Amino acid sequence: MSSVNMHTLDGLPNIKHGDDLPELIYHQLVSNNQSLIDGDVLVVAQKVVSKAEGATCLLSDITPTADAIELANKVNKDPRKVAVILSESKRVVKVHKHPNANEGILITEHKLGHISANAAVDESNSDQADQLILLPKDPDASARHIADYLGDKFNCHIGVIISDTFGRPWRLGQTNVAIGVANVPAIIRMEGDVDAWGRPLAVTAPAFADEIAAASGLLMSKQGKCPVILFRGLRWQSDPFHSAQDLLRPTKEDLFA
């Protein structure tokens, strides 16, 4: 690759439960005089996927459990939100109350395996004041649905990445990561290849989908309402068996557990 182009898909409407997201993306591409070709990759923000699929809930509908209330008191969070976080999680990894912050932090392992703050339960870009947005039930399936639909419409083979914004251990700030992939590889295993000087590579494995997702964050701001980013010029080999789960480190390999 000597160059890669990135383009925003402007003008998408506010996505609501029941909207046909692939169809809306298609019509907006056509309206913007944009088309898709073989090898293109779309990064789609998790928020619009979750909204379309109804992966949301209202705080007013939640009755917190005793465990949620106890944990909420430790981190000064709404116990109803904590109840949702627990329902989305396999386990609580860390509970931390910042001495100089109003709210503490809950680090959990989501049911999908992602380690993140609050099980990725978030209020930003929600339609209502008391609405929480959750992760899609199956982000890989969501990505495949979008890729298949748009591939048929434009008669091409494309990749789709569903992205979300996570914090990172040992580093400040957040970055976009891949939580769902279709066609495009999540990770590229380079063991057995050689570097530019002919030295064998033993453990090199670029997180290809994460790298693309992170780059999308340059154009996909929370204020900009640009939930779809088109990449053109990437080189990748398709594999229908790739999954965002390929990016998750097995617990037995966690050196800090």
Protein backbone atom coordinates (compact mmCIF):
# COMPACT_ATOMS: atom_id res chain seq x y z
CA MET A 1 0.00 0.00 0.00
CA SER A 2 1.44 3.35 -1.01
CA SER A 3 -1.65 5.34 0.01
CA VAL A 4 -5.01 4.85 1.68
CA ASN A 5 -8.00 7.16 1.30
CA MET A 6 -10.61 7.81 3.99
CA HIS A 7 -14.02 9.35 3.34
CA THR A 8 -16.90 10.23 5.64
CA LEU A 9 -20.43 9.26 4.69
CA ASP A 10 -22.29 12.49 5.33
CA GLY A 11 -26.00 13.01 5.81
CA LEU A 12 -27.15 9.81 7.50
CA PRO A 13 -30.30 10.46 9.54
CA ASN A 14 -30.53 9.85 13.27
CA ILE A 15 -30.84 6.08 13.54
CA LYS A 16 -33.79 4.62 15.43
CA HIS A 17 -34.83 1.14 16.49
CA GLY A 18 -36.10 -0.78 13.49
CA ASP A 19 -34.30 1.28 10.86
CA ASP A 20 -32.76 -0.69 8.01
CA LEU A 21 -29.18 0.48 8.53
CA PRO A 22 -27.63 -1.18 5.44
CA GLU A 23 -30.38 0.29 3.27
CA LEU A 24 -29.86 3.76 4.77
CA ILE A 25 -26.11 3.51 4.17
CA TYR A 26 -26.74 2.45 0.57
CA HIS A 27 -29.11 5.33 -0.16
CA GLN A 28 -26.75 7.83 1.44
CA LEU A 29 -23.82 6.56 -0.62
CA VAL A 30 -25.89 7.00 -3.77
CA SER A 31 -27.04 10.46 -2.64
CA ASN A 32 -23.39 11.46 -2.12
CA ASN A 33 -22.41 10.07 -5.53
CA GLN A 34 -20.24 7.50 -3.78
CA SER A 35 -19.99 3.86 -4.78
CA LEU A 36 -18.19 0.84 -3.40
CA ILE A 37 -15.60 -1.29 -5.17
CA ASP A 38 -13.77 -4.52 -4.40
CA GLY A 39 -11.47 -4.12 -1.40
CA ASP A 40 -13.27 -1.17 0.19
CA VAL A 41 -13.72 -1.31 3.96
CA LEU A 42 -16.49 0.45 5.86
CA VAL A 43 -16.08 1.21 9.55
CA VAL A 44 -19.48 1.62 11.21
CA ALA A 45 -19.87 3.06 14.69
CA GLN A 46 -21.35 0.65 17.22
CA LYS A 47 -23.86 3.25 18.39
CA VAL A 48 -25.85 3.31 15.15
CA VAL A 49 -25.79 -0.49 14.90
CA SER A 50 -27.06 -0.82 18.48
CA LYS A 51 -29.79 1.77 17.93
CA ALA A 52 -31.03 0.09 14.75
CA GLU A 53 -31.07 -3.31 16.44
CA GLY A 54 -32.73 -2.05 19.62
CA ALA A 55 -29.75 -2.72 21.89
CA THR A 56 -30.83 0.05 24.24
CA CYS A 57 -32.72 0.41 27.48
CA LEU A 58 -34.30 3.16 29.58
CA LEU A 59 -33.14 3.82 33.13
CA SER A 60 -36.77 4.38 34.08
CA ASP A 61 -37.49 0.73 33.26
CA ILE A 62 -34.70 -0.66 35.47
CA THR A 63 -35.12 -1.89 39.03
CA PRO A 64 -31.64 -2.30 40.54
CA THR A 65 -30.75 -5.41 42.49
CA ALA A 66 -29.23 -5.33 45.96
CA ASP A 67 -25.81 -6.16 44.45
CA ALA A 68 -26.14 -3.26 42.01
CA ILE A 69 -27.08 -0.86 44.78
CA GLU A 70 -24.13 -1.94 46.92
CA LEU A 71 -21.68 -1.58 44.03
CA ALA A 72 -23.20 1.75 42.94
CA ASN A 73 -22.58 3.16 46.42
CA LYS A 74 -18.90 2.26 46.12
CA VAL A 75 -18.41 4.16 42.85
CA ASN A 76 -21.12 6.82 43.18
CA LYS A 77 -23.03 5.72 40.08
CA ASP A 78 -26.74 5.46 39.38
CA PRO A 79 -27.65 1.98 40.69
CA ARG A 80 -29.92 1.45 37.71
CA LYS A 81 -26.98 1.92 35.33
CA VAL A 82 -24.87 -0.39 37.47
CA ALA A 83 -27.62 -3.01 37.24
CA VAL A 84 -27.44 -2.81 33.44
CA ILE A 85 -23.63 -3.00 33.51
CA LEU A 86 -23.77 -6.15 35.62
CA SER A 87 -26.38 -7.72 33.36
CA GLU A 88 -24.09 -7.13 30.36
CA SER A 89 -21.01 -8.55 32.10
CA LYS A 90 -19.46 -11.92 32.79
CA ARG A 91 -17.51 -10.54 35.75
CA VAL A 92 -16.31 -7.37 37.41
CA VAL A 93 -12.56 -7.02 36.87
CA LYS A 94 -11.84 -3.87 38.89
CA VAL A 95 -13.74 -1.41 41.07
CA HIS A 96 -12.00 1.92 41.55
CA LYS A 97 -13.17 5.13 43.22
CA HIS A 98 -11.21 8.14 42.02
CA PRO A 99 -10.29 10.40 44.96
CA ASN A 100 -10.66 13.53 42.81
CA ALA A 101 -13.57 12.53 40.59
CA ASN A 102 -17.31 12.43 41.14
CA GLU A 103 -17.73 8.88 39.82
CA GLY A 104 -15.54 5.84 40.11
CA ILE A 105 -14.80 3.24 37.47
CA LEU A 106 -16.12 -0.24 36.88
CA ILE A 107 -13.93 -2.37 34.63
CA THR A 108 -15.79 -5.48 33.52
CA GLU A 109 -15.56 -8.37 31.12
CA HIS A 110 -18.49 -8.06 28.76
CA LYS A 111 -20.47 -11.14 27.79
CA LEU A 112 -18.78 -10.87 24.37
CA GLY A 113 -15.36 -11.02 26.07
CA HIS A 114 -14.27 -7.39 25.78
CA ILE A 115 -12.61 -5.82 28.83
CA SER A 116 -13.76 -2.21 29.13
CA ALA A 117 -15.22 0.42 31.41
CA ASN A 118 -18.88 -0.09 32.31
CA ALA A 119 -19.32 -3.08 29.95
CA ALA A 120 -19.39 -0.45 27.14
CA VAL A 121 -22.77 0.77 28.45
CA ASP A 122 -22.96 4.43 27.43
CA GLU A 123 -25.28 7.43 27.37
CA SER A 124 -23.52 9.47 24.68
CA ASN A 125 -25.38 9.97 21.38
CA SER A 126 -28.54 8.47 22.88
CA ASP A 127 -31.97 9.64 21.78
CA GLN A 128 -33.41 10.23 25.23
CA ALA A 129 -32.06 11.65 28.47
CA ASP A 130 -32.38 8.34 30.36
CA GLN A 131 -31.47 5.99 27.51
CA LEU A 132 -28.47 3.67 27.71
CA ILE A 133 -26.87 2.15 24.61
CA LEU A 134 -25.51 -1.40 24.88
CA LEU A 135 -23.29 -3.42 22.57
CA PRO A 136 -25.01 -5.34 19.75
CA LYS A 137 -25.81 -8.95 20.58
CA ASP A 138 -23.58 -10.27 17.77
CA PRO A 139 -21.39 -7.55 16.20
CA ASP A 140 -19.80 -9.99 13.73
CA ALA A 141 -23.26 -10.90 12.42
CA SER A 142 -24.16 -7.22 12.21
CA ALA A 143 -21.03 -6.56 10.15
CA ARG A 144 -21.77 -9.52 7.85
CA HIS A 145 -25.30 -8.28 7.25
CA ILE A 146 -24.06 -4.84 6.20
CA ALA A 147 -21.25 -6.30 4.06
CA ASP A 148 -23.55 -8.77 2.29
CA TYR A 149 -26.25 -6.18 1.59
CA LEU A 150 -23.91 -3.50 0.23
CA GLY A 151 -21.82 -6.04 -1.64
CA ASP A 152 -24.94 -7.20 -3.48
CA LYS A 153 -26.05 -3.64 -4.19
CA PHE A 154 -22.70 -2.57 -5.65
CA ASN A 155 -21.69 -5.99 -7.03
CA CYS A 156 -18.41 -6.01 -5.13
CA HIS A 157 -16.64 -7.66 -2.22
CA ILE A 158 -16.11 -5.34 0.75
CA GLY A 159 -15.11 -5.56 4.40
CA VAL A 160 -17.04 -4.10 7.31
CA ILE A 161 -15.78 -3.32 10.80
CA ILE A 162 -18.04 -2.39 13.72
CA SER A 163 -16.10 -0.07 16.02
CA ASP A 164 -16.43 1.17 19.58
CA THR A 165 -14.29 3.46 21.72
CA PHE A 166 -12.31 1.84 24.54
CA GLY A 167 -9.72 3.01 27.02
CA ARG A 168 -6.38 1.18 27.12
CA PRO A 169 -4.35 -0.32 29.96
CA TRP A 170 -1.15 1.59 30.69
CA ARG A 171 -2.05 4.46 28.31
CA LEU A 172 -4.24 7.55 28.68
CA GLY A 173 -7.02 8.44 26.28
CA GLN A 174 -9.39 6.33 24.25
CA THR A 175 -9.26 4.92 20.73
CA ASN A 176 -11.61 3.11 18.40
CA VAL A 177 -11.30 -0.68 18.32
CA ALA A 178 -12.99 -3.41 16.29
CA ILE A 179 -15.80 -5.29 18.05
CA GLY A 180 -17.22 -6.88 14.91
CA VAL A 181 -15.75 -7.78 11.51
CA ALA A 182 -16.93 -9.20 8.21
CA ASN A 183 -14.59 -10.45 5.48
CA VAL A 184 -11.67 -8.26 6.55
CA PRO A 185 -9.15 -10.05 8.82
CA ALA A 186 -9.24 -9.09 12.49
CA ILE A 187 -5.59 -10.04 12.99
CA ILE A 188 -2.83 -10.99 10.54
CA ARG A 189 -0.54 -13.78 11.69
CA MET A 190 2.97 -13.14 10.35
CA GLU A 191 4.84 -15.86 12.21
CA GLY A 192 7.21 -17.48 9.74
CA ASP A 193 7.49 -14.42 7.50
CA VAL A 194 10.63 -12.30 7.42
CA ASP A 195 11.25 -8.60 8.03
CA ALA A 196 12.83 -6.11 5.60
CA TRP A 197 16.30 -7.50 6.44
CA GLY A 198 15.33 -11.16 6.11
CA ARG A 199 15.07 -11.86 9.82
CA PRO A 200 12.35 -14.38 10.70
CA LEU A 201 9.28 -13.07 12.51
CA ALA A 202 8.31 -15.13 15.55
CA VAL A 203 5.39 -13.35 17.23
CA THR A 204 4.40 -10.48 14.90
CA ALA A 205 0.62 -10.28 14.45
CA PRO A 206 -0.76 -6.85 13.47
CA ALA A 207 -4.24 -6.15 14.82
CA PHE A 208 -5.41 -5.17 11.34
CA ALA A 209 -9.06 -4.46 12.16
CA ASP A 210 -8.12 -2.47 15.26
CA GLU A 211 -5.66 -0.39 13.22
CA ILE A 212 -8.39 0.51 10.72
CA ALA A 213 -10.91 1.20 13.49
CA ALA A 214 -8.43 3.47 15.27
CA ALA A 215 -7.77 5.43 12.07
CA SER A 216 -11.52 5.92 11.58
CA GLY A 217 -11.59 7.85 14.84
CA LEU A 218 -9.76 10.71 13.09
CA LEU A 219 -12.98 11.43 11.17
CA MET A 220 -15.60 9.79 13.39
CA SER A 221 -16.00 12.37 16.16
CA LYS A 222 -18.77 12.13 18.75
CA GLN A 223 -19.93 15.63 17.78
CA GLY A 224 -19.58 15.20 14.01
CA LYS A 225 -22.39 12.68 13.41
CA CYS A 226 -20.20 10.70 10.97
CA PRO A 227 -20.83 7.09 12.02
CA VAL A 228 -19.62 5.52 8.75
CA ILE A 229 -16.11 5.88 7.33
CA LEU A 230 -15.05 4.47 3.95
CA PHE A 231 -11.48 3.24 3.46
CA ARG A 232 -10.12 2.68 -0.04
CA GLY A 233 -6.68 1.41 -0.96
CA LEU A 234 -6.18 -1.14 1.81
CA ARG A 235 -4.79 -4.53 0.83
CA TRP A 236 -6.30 -7.50 2.60
CA GLN A 237 -7.20 -11.11 2.00
CA SER A 238 -10.74 -12.09 2.75
CA ASP A 239 -11.59 -14.90 5.14
CA PRO A 240 -15.24 -15.56 6.06
CA PHE A 241 -14.12 -17.22 9.31
CA HIS A 242 -12.48 -14.12 10.76
CA SER A 243 -14.12 -12.72 13.89
CA ALA A 244 -13.48 -9.80 16.22
CA GLN A 245 -13.15 -12.50 18.89
CA ASP A 246 -9.76 -13.29 17.31
CA LEU A 247 -8.47 -10.06 18.91
CA LEU A 248 -9.29 -11.09 22.48
CA ARG A 249 -6.38 -12.34 24.54
CA PRO A 250 -7.18 -15.64 26.30
CA THR A 251 -7.40 -15.34 30.08
CA LYS A 252 -4.60 -17.91 30.48
CA GLU A 253 -2.29 -15.47 28.63
CA ASP A 254 -3.12 -12.52 30.90
CA LEU A 255 0.17 -11.79 32.66
CA PHE A 256 -1.44 -9.26 35.02
CA ALA A 257 -4.45 -11.20 36.25
